[in-house]
Amino acid sequence: MLLSFTLAALPVIVPASVCSSSACPQADTMPQAVYQDGEKDSSEGSPTNPLFGDETKTLVRLTTSDRLHLAANYYPPRSRTKRAPAVILVHDAGKNRRSLLPLAQYLNKKGLATLVLDLRGHGESATEKLDWAKLDERGQTTQWAFAVRDLTAAAKFLRSQKGVHTANLTVIGMGAGSNLALRHALDDENVRATVLLNPPATALGFKLGPALTELGGLPCLIVSPKEGKAANCKLRDQCHEENDGLEYVELQNLKSKAKDMLDDKRLNNGVFTWLKDRILTKK
């Protein structure tokens, strides 16, 4: 069972224009536009990060229960008349949030509030003290286990945002990020659905099968690349059998290979179409 962690309160924003190195000791690990925990800069003329272009305007910083600062992009709800479901997108081990930005933006355009973060030690969340690329196998396994705290911080951030439906959360995981998505879903009663993109059977100390079986009815979509179809079909059937025939895991099979699946034109629409019938309020 996962432990529950109490997160620190989110401090107020410190504009980049007045943020000195002494006032913002983490500034050297963040992009040009410096945002304090859980806040975003809505001012005009925000600096442009060469990695993301004008995506710096959506940058936020999260703080975990163990006081790590994580870079993320937040796309708020577009509707002003009703609360929107929220989505957390979790990248694969050794990758970063950039690969999931197109999916986050697509889902946001469809009416969802989306947050995609760099996990601890990854991307712009990496620091001199914690850099995934510099960890040995044991260190990576340990930090991946601690990364459940990163999702807890992300969920807390979303619950604090205006216009977000606080009890309607979906977690989408890519690769090994699928295991973190499942772990969070098992521990957060606000999760209504999970989406797993090419989930590995085992990764960094987590086993997919037992966690997926433990969902016990929570809707789950597995998106398989061409080479993963057979294994995921078997996994789905096993989960249903171990839950007395309850069918809660669905599959979408892509024609692309694993290395190309995030560029597959069917992916974004397929994920949203599946989510639409499960998390969007019917009129």
Protein backbone atom coordinates (compact mmCIF):
# COMPACT_ATOMS: atom_id res chain seq x y z
CA MET A 1 0.00 0.00 0.00
CA LEU A 2 1.25 3.48 -0.81
CA LEU A 3 1.87 5.91 1.96
CA SER A 4 -0.06 9.16 2.01
CA PHE A 5 1.99 12.33 2.04
CA THR A 6 1.05 15.84 3.11
CA LEU A 7 2.27 18.43 0.66
CA ALA A 8 3.57 21.83 1.58
CA ALA A 9 1.43 24.86 0.87
CA LEU A 10 2.03 26.54 -2.43
CA PRO A 11 3.71 29.97 -2.14
CA VAL A 12 2.70 32.96 -4.19
CA ILE A 13 4.22 33.91 -7.52
CA VAL A 14 7.46 35.86 -7.70
CA PRO A 15 7.67 37.61 -11.08
CA ALA A 16 10.80 36.84 -13.06
CA SER A 17 11.53 40.54 -13.43
CA VAL A 18 12.12 40.96 -9.69
CA CYS A 19 13.47 37.53 -8.89
CA SER A 20 17.10 37.71 -7.82
CA SER A 21 19.32 34.70 -7.29
CA SER A 22 19.04 35.16 -3.54
CA ALA A 23 15.25 35.41 -3.60
CA CYS A 24 14.82 32.40 -5.91
CA PRO A 25 17.56 29.85 -5.21
CA GLN A 26 15.97 27.37 -7.65
CA ALA A 27 15.96 29.80 -10.55
CA ASP A 28 19.03 28.22 -12.17
CA THR A 29 17.14 24.93 -12.59
CA MET A 30 14.07 26.52 -14.20
CA PRO A 31 13.39 28.02 -17.65
CA GLN A 32 13.88 31.72 -18.34
CA ALA A 33 10.38 32.52 -17.15
CA VAL A 34 10.44 31.70 -13.42
CA TYR A 35 7.14 30.70 -11.86
CA GLN A 36 6.65 29.90 -8.22
CA ASP A 37 4.80 26.85 -6.96
CA GLY A 38 1.48 26.26 -8.65
CA GLU A 39 1.32 29.68 -10.29
CA LYS A 40 1.54 30.74 -13.91
CA ASP A 41 2.54 34.00 -15.60
CA SER A 42 -0.34 35.51 -17.55
CA SER A 43 1.53 38.69 -18.47
CA GLU A 44 2.29 39.66 -22.05
CA GLY A 45 5.74 39.27 -23.47
CA SER A 46 6.81 36.24 -21.44
CA PRO A 47 10.32 35.04 -22.30
CA THR A 48 10.56 32.30 -24.88
CA ASN A 49 12.31 29.04 -24.07
CA PRO A 50 13.94 27.59 -27.22
CA LEU A 51 12.71 24.12 -26.27
CA PHE A 52 9.05 25.05 -26.06
CA GLY A 53 8.60 28.33 -27.94
CA ASP A 54 5.68 30.27 -26.44
CA GLU A 55 4.85 27.27 -24.24
CA THR A 56 6.74 29.14 -21.51
CA LYS A 57 3.46 31.02 -21.01
CA THR A 58 1.91 27.84 -19.62
CA LEU A 59 4.80 26.89 -17.31
CA VAL A 60 4.11 26.25 -13.64
CA ARG A 61 6.23 24.87 -10.82
CA LEU A 62 5.03 22.22 -8.40
CA THR A 63 6.45 21.38 -4.99
CA THR A 64 6.40 17.80 -3.71
CA SER A 65 6.04 16.63 -0.12
CA ASP A 66 9.79 16.06 0.01
CA ARG A 67 10.45 19.64 -1.17
CA LEU A 68 11.47 18.99 -4.77
CA HIS A 69 10.49 21.52 -7.42
CA LEU A 70 9.06 20.19 -10.67
CA ALA A 71 8.57 21.93 -13.99
CA ALA A 72 5.19 21.47 -15.70
CA ASN A 73 2.89 22.91 -18.35
CA TYR A 74 -0.69 23.65 -17.34
CA TYR A 75 -3.51 24.24 -19.81
CA PRO A 76 -6.53 25.60 -17.93
CA PRO A 77 -10.18 24.96 -18.78
CA ARG A 78 -11.55 26.94 -21.70
CA SER A 79 -15.16 26.96 -20.55
CA ARG A 80 -16.32 29.73 -18.23
CA THR A 81 -19.71 28.16 -17.57
CA LYS A 82 -18.95 24.67 -16.25
CA ARG A 83 -16.18 22.82 -14.47
CA ALA A 84 -13.85 20.75 -16.61
CA PRO A 85 -12.41 17.29 -15.94
CA ALA A 86 -8.65 17.29 -15.37
CA VAL A 87 -5.87 15.15 -16.82
CA ILE A 88 -2.31 14.47 -15.60
CA LEU A 89 0.11 13.20 -18.26
CA VAL A 90 3.14 11.20 -17.10
CA HIS A 91 6.15 10.62 -19.36
CA ASP A 92 8.29 7.50 -19.68
CA ALA A 93 11.38 6.86 -17.57
CA GLY A 94 14.40 8.70 -18.94
CA LYS A 95 12.23 10.98 -21.10
CA ASN A 96 10.55 14.31 -20.39
CA ARG A 97 7.24 16.11 -20.74
CA ARG A 98 7.96 17.44 -24.24
CA SER A 99 6.86 14.20 -25.85
CA LEU A 100 3.38 14.52 -24.32
CA LEU A 101 2.78 18.21 -24.99
CA PRO A 102 0.87 17.58 -28.27
CA LEU A 103 -1.55 15.20 -26.51
CA ALA A 104 -1.97 17.63 -23.59
CA GLN A 105 -2.76 20.48 -25.97
CA TYR A 106 -5.18 18.35 -27.99
CA LEU A 107 -7.13 17.27 -24.91
CA ASN A 108 -7.22 20.86 -23.67
CA LYS A 109 -8.73 22.01 -26.96
CA LYS A 110 -11.41 19.37 -26.44
CA GLY A 111 -12.39 20.93 -23.13
CA LEU A 112 -10.16 19.26 -20.52
CA ALA A 113 -7.79 20.91 -18.06
CA THR A 114 -4.39 19.27 -18.64
CA LEU A 115 -1.12 19.18 -16.72
CA VAL A 116 2.04 17.55 -18.05
CA LEU A 117 5.08 17.50 -15.78
CA ASP A 118 8.76 16.59 -15.75
CA LEU A 119 9.17 13.93 -13.07
CA ARG A 120 11.93 14.29 -10.48
CA GLY A 121 15.38 14.14 -12.03
CA HIS A 122 13.98 14.47 -15.56
CA GLY A 123 13.92 17.31 -18.06
CA GLU A 124 13.71 20.71 -16.41
CA SER A 125 13.05 19.14 -13.02
CA ALA A 126 16.60 17.74 -12.95
CA THR A 127 19.12 19.38 -10.62
CA GLU A 128 22.77 18.87 -9.77
CA LYS A 129 21.70 16.76 -6.79
CA LEU A 130 19.12 14.71 -8.68
CA ASP A 131 19.68 13.95 -12.34
CA TRP A 132 18.14 10.77 -13.73
CA ALA A 133 20.88 10.33 -16.33
CA LYS A 134 23.55 10.24 -13.61
CA LEU A 135 21.83 7.65 -11.39
CA ASP A 136 22.79 3.98 -11.36
CA GLU A 137 20.12 1.29 -11.71
CA ARG A 138 19.46 1.13 -7.98
CA GLY A 139 19.17 4.90 -7.73
CA GLN A 140 16.74 5.05 -10.63
CA THR A 141 14.55 2.35 -9.10
CA THR A 142 14.47 4.22 -5.80
CA GLN A 143 13.66 7.60 -7.33
CA TRP A 144 10.97 6.08 -9.55
CA ALA A 145 9.24 4.75 -6.45
CA PHE A 146 9.42 8.21 -4.88
CA ALA A 147 7.94 9.73 -8.06
CA VAL A 148 4.46 8.80 -6.86
CA ARG A 149 4.86 11.96 -4.77
CA ASP A 150 5.22 13.94 -7.99
CA LEU A 151 1.77 12.83 -9.11
CA THR A 152 0.36 13.66 -5.69
CA ALA A 153 1.71 17.20 -6.09
CA ALA A 154 0.23 17.41 -9.59
CA ALA A 155 -3.19 16.29 -8.39
CA LYS A 156 -3.14 18.79 -5.53
CA PHE A 157 -2.27 21.57 -7.94
CA LEU A 158 -5.19 20.69 -10.22
CA ARG A 159 -7.63 20.62 -7.31
CA SER A 160 -6.64 24.20 -6.50
CA GLN A 161 -7.35 25.55 -9.99
CA LYS A 162 -10.41 27.57 -10.87
CA GLY A 163 -12.86 25.83 -13.16
CA VAL A 164 -11.51 22.32 -12.55
CA HIS A 165 -13.82 19.48 -11.51
CA THR A 166 -11.96 18.35 -8.40
CA ALA A 167 -13.48 14.85 -8.36
CA ASN A 168 -12.97 14.05 -12.03
CA LEU A 169 -9.33 13.22 -12.71
CA THR A 170 -7.74 11.05 -15.41
CA VAL A 171 -4.13 9.91 -15.31
CA ILE A 172 -2.34 9.11 -18.58
CA GLY A 173 0.99 7.31 -18.46
CA MET A 174 3.49 6.65 -21.25
CA GLY A 175 5.70 3.57 -21.02
CA ALA A 176 6.96 3.12 -17.44
CA GLY A 177 4.90 6.20 -16.57
CA SER A 178 1.90 3.88 -16.86
CA ASN A 179 2.92 2.17 -13.65
CA LEU A 180 3.03 5.49 -11.82
CA ALA A 181 -0.36 6.37 -13.28
CA LEU A 182 -1.84 3.14 -11.93
CA ARG A 183 -0.24 3.61 -8.51
CA HIS A 184 -1.74 7.07 -8.24
CA ALA A 185 -5.14 5.85 -9.41
CA LEU A 186 -5.18 3.25 -6.65
CA ASP A 187 -4.48 5.91 -4.03
CA ASP A 188 -6.63 8.80 -5.25
CA GLU A 189 -10.40 8.51 -4.98
CA ASN A 190 -10.82 11.38 -7.45
CA VAL A 191 -9.44 9.36 -10.37
CA ARG A 192 -12.21 8.36 -12.75
CA ALA A 193 -10.16 6.73 -15.53
CA THR A 194 -6.64 5.76 -16.54
CA VAL A 195 -4.96 5.59 -19.95
CA LEU A 196 -1.80 3.54 -20.45
CA LEU A 197 0.30 4.12 -23.56
CA ASN A 198 2.46 1.10 -24.37
CA PRO A 199 2.81 -0.01 -20.73
CA PRO A 200 5.68 -2.43 -19.94
CA ALA A 201 4.91 -5.59 -17.96
CA THR A 202 7.64 -4.71 -15.46
CA ALA A 203 9.70 -1.57 -15.00
CA LEU A 204 11.82 -0.14 -12.19
CA GLY A 205 10.38 -2.37 -9.50
CA PHE A 206 6.72 -2.05 -10.55
CA LYS A 207 4.67 -4.88 -12.04
CA LEU A 208 1.84 -3.85 -14.31
CA GLY A 209 -0.42 -6.90 -13.93
CA PRO A 210 -1.08 -6.80 -10.16
CA ALA A 211 -1.69 -3.03 -10.15
CA LEU A 212 -4.04 -3.25 -13.13
CA THR A 213 -5.93 -6.13 -11.54
CA GLU A 214 -6.25 -4.15 -8.32
CA LEU A 215 -8.07 -1.35 -10.16
CA GLY A 216 -11.08 -3.65 -9.88
CA GLY A 217 -13.45 -1.87 -12.25
CA LEU A 218 -11.99 1.62 -12.70
CA PRO A 219 -12.13 2.25 -16.48
CA CYS A 220 -8.74 1.76 -18.12
CA LEU A 221 -7.63 2.13 -21.72
CA ILE A 222 -4.46 0.48 -22.97
CA VAL A 223 -3.11 1.87 -26.25
CA SER A 224 -0.84 -0.68 -27.91
CA PRO A 225 1.73 -0.22 -30.64
CA LYS A 226 1.86 -2.84 -33.36
CA GLU A 227 4.22 -5.14 -31.46
CA GLY A 228 2.34 -4.92 -28.15
CA LYS A 229 -1.12 -6.09 -29.22
CA ALA A 230 -0.87 -9.77 -28.26
CA ALA A 231 0.65 -9.18 -24.82
CA ASN A 232 -1.92 -6.53 -23.91
CA CYS A 233 -4.81 -8.68 -25.08
CA LYS A 234 -3.61 -11.40 -22.73
CA LEU A 235 -3.21 -8.91 -19.88
CA ARG A 236 -6.73 -7.54 -20.41
CA ASP A 237 -8.29 -10.99 -20.34
CA GLN A 238 -6.36 -11.90 -17.20
CA CYS A 239 -7.57 -8.76 -15.38
CA HIS A 240 -11.19 -9.45 -16.30
CA GLU A 241 -10.92 -13.06 -15.19
CA GLU A 242 -9.43 -12.10 -11.83
CA ASN A 243 -12.24 -9.57 -11.30
CA ASP A 244 -15.05 -12.12 -11.76
CA GLY A 245 -15.57 -11.31 -15.42
CA LEU A 246 -15.93 -7.55 -14.92
CA GLU A 247 -14.81 -5.89 -18.16
CA TYR A 248 -13.10 -2.61 -17.35
CA VAL A 249 -9.92 -2.73 -19.46
CA GLU A 250 -10.21 -1.77 -23.13
CA LEU A 251 -7.66 -1.85 -25.91
CA GLN A 252 -6.86 0.42 -28.81
CA ASN A 253 -4.34 -0.98 -31.26
CA LEU A 254 -2.23 1.30 -33.41
CA LYS A 255 -0.57 0.33 -36.66
CA SER A 256 2.58 2.22 -35.73
CA LYS A 257 5.54 0.76 -33.84
CA ALA A 258 6.31 1.76 -30.27
CA LYS A 259 8.97 4.31 -31.20
CA ASP A 260 6.50 6.12 -33.47
CA MET A 261 3.23 5.82 -31.57
CA LEU A 262 3.18 9.35 -30.14
CA ASP A 263 3.31 10.64 -33.72
CA ASP A 264 0.47 8.37 -34.84
CA LYS A 265 -2.43 10.57 -36.00
CA ARG A 266 -4.94 8.14 -34.51
CA LEU A 267 -3.60 8.41 -30.98
CA ASN A 268 -4.91 11.78 -29.81
CA ASN A 269 -8.42 11.36 -31.17
CA GLY A 270 -8.60 7.77 -30.00
CA VAL A 271 -7.75 8.72 -26.42
CA PHE A 272 -10.22 11.59 -26.34
CA THR A 273 -13.04 9.59 -27.92
CA TRP A 274 -12.62 6.93 -25.25
CA LEU A 275 -12.47 9.50 -22.44
CA LYS A 276 -15.46 11.45 -23.72
CA ASP A 277 -17.92 8.70 -22.86
CA ARG A 278 -16.47 8.15 -19.40
CA ILE A 279 -15.56 11.49 -17.85
CA LEU A 280 -17.53 14.19 -19.65
CA THR A 281 -20.90 15.10 -18.17
CA LYS A 282 -23.67 14.12 -20.55
CA LYS A 283 -26.20 16.80 -21.33
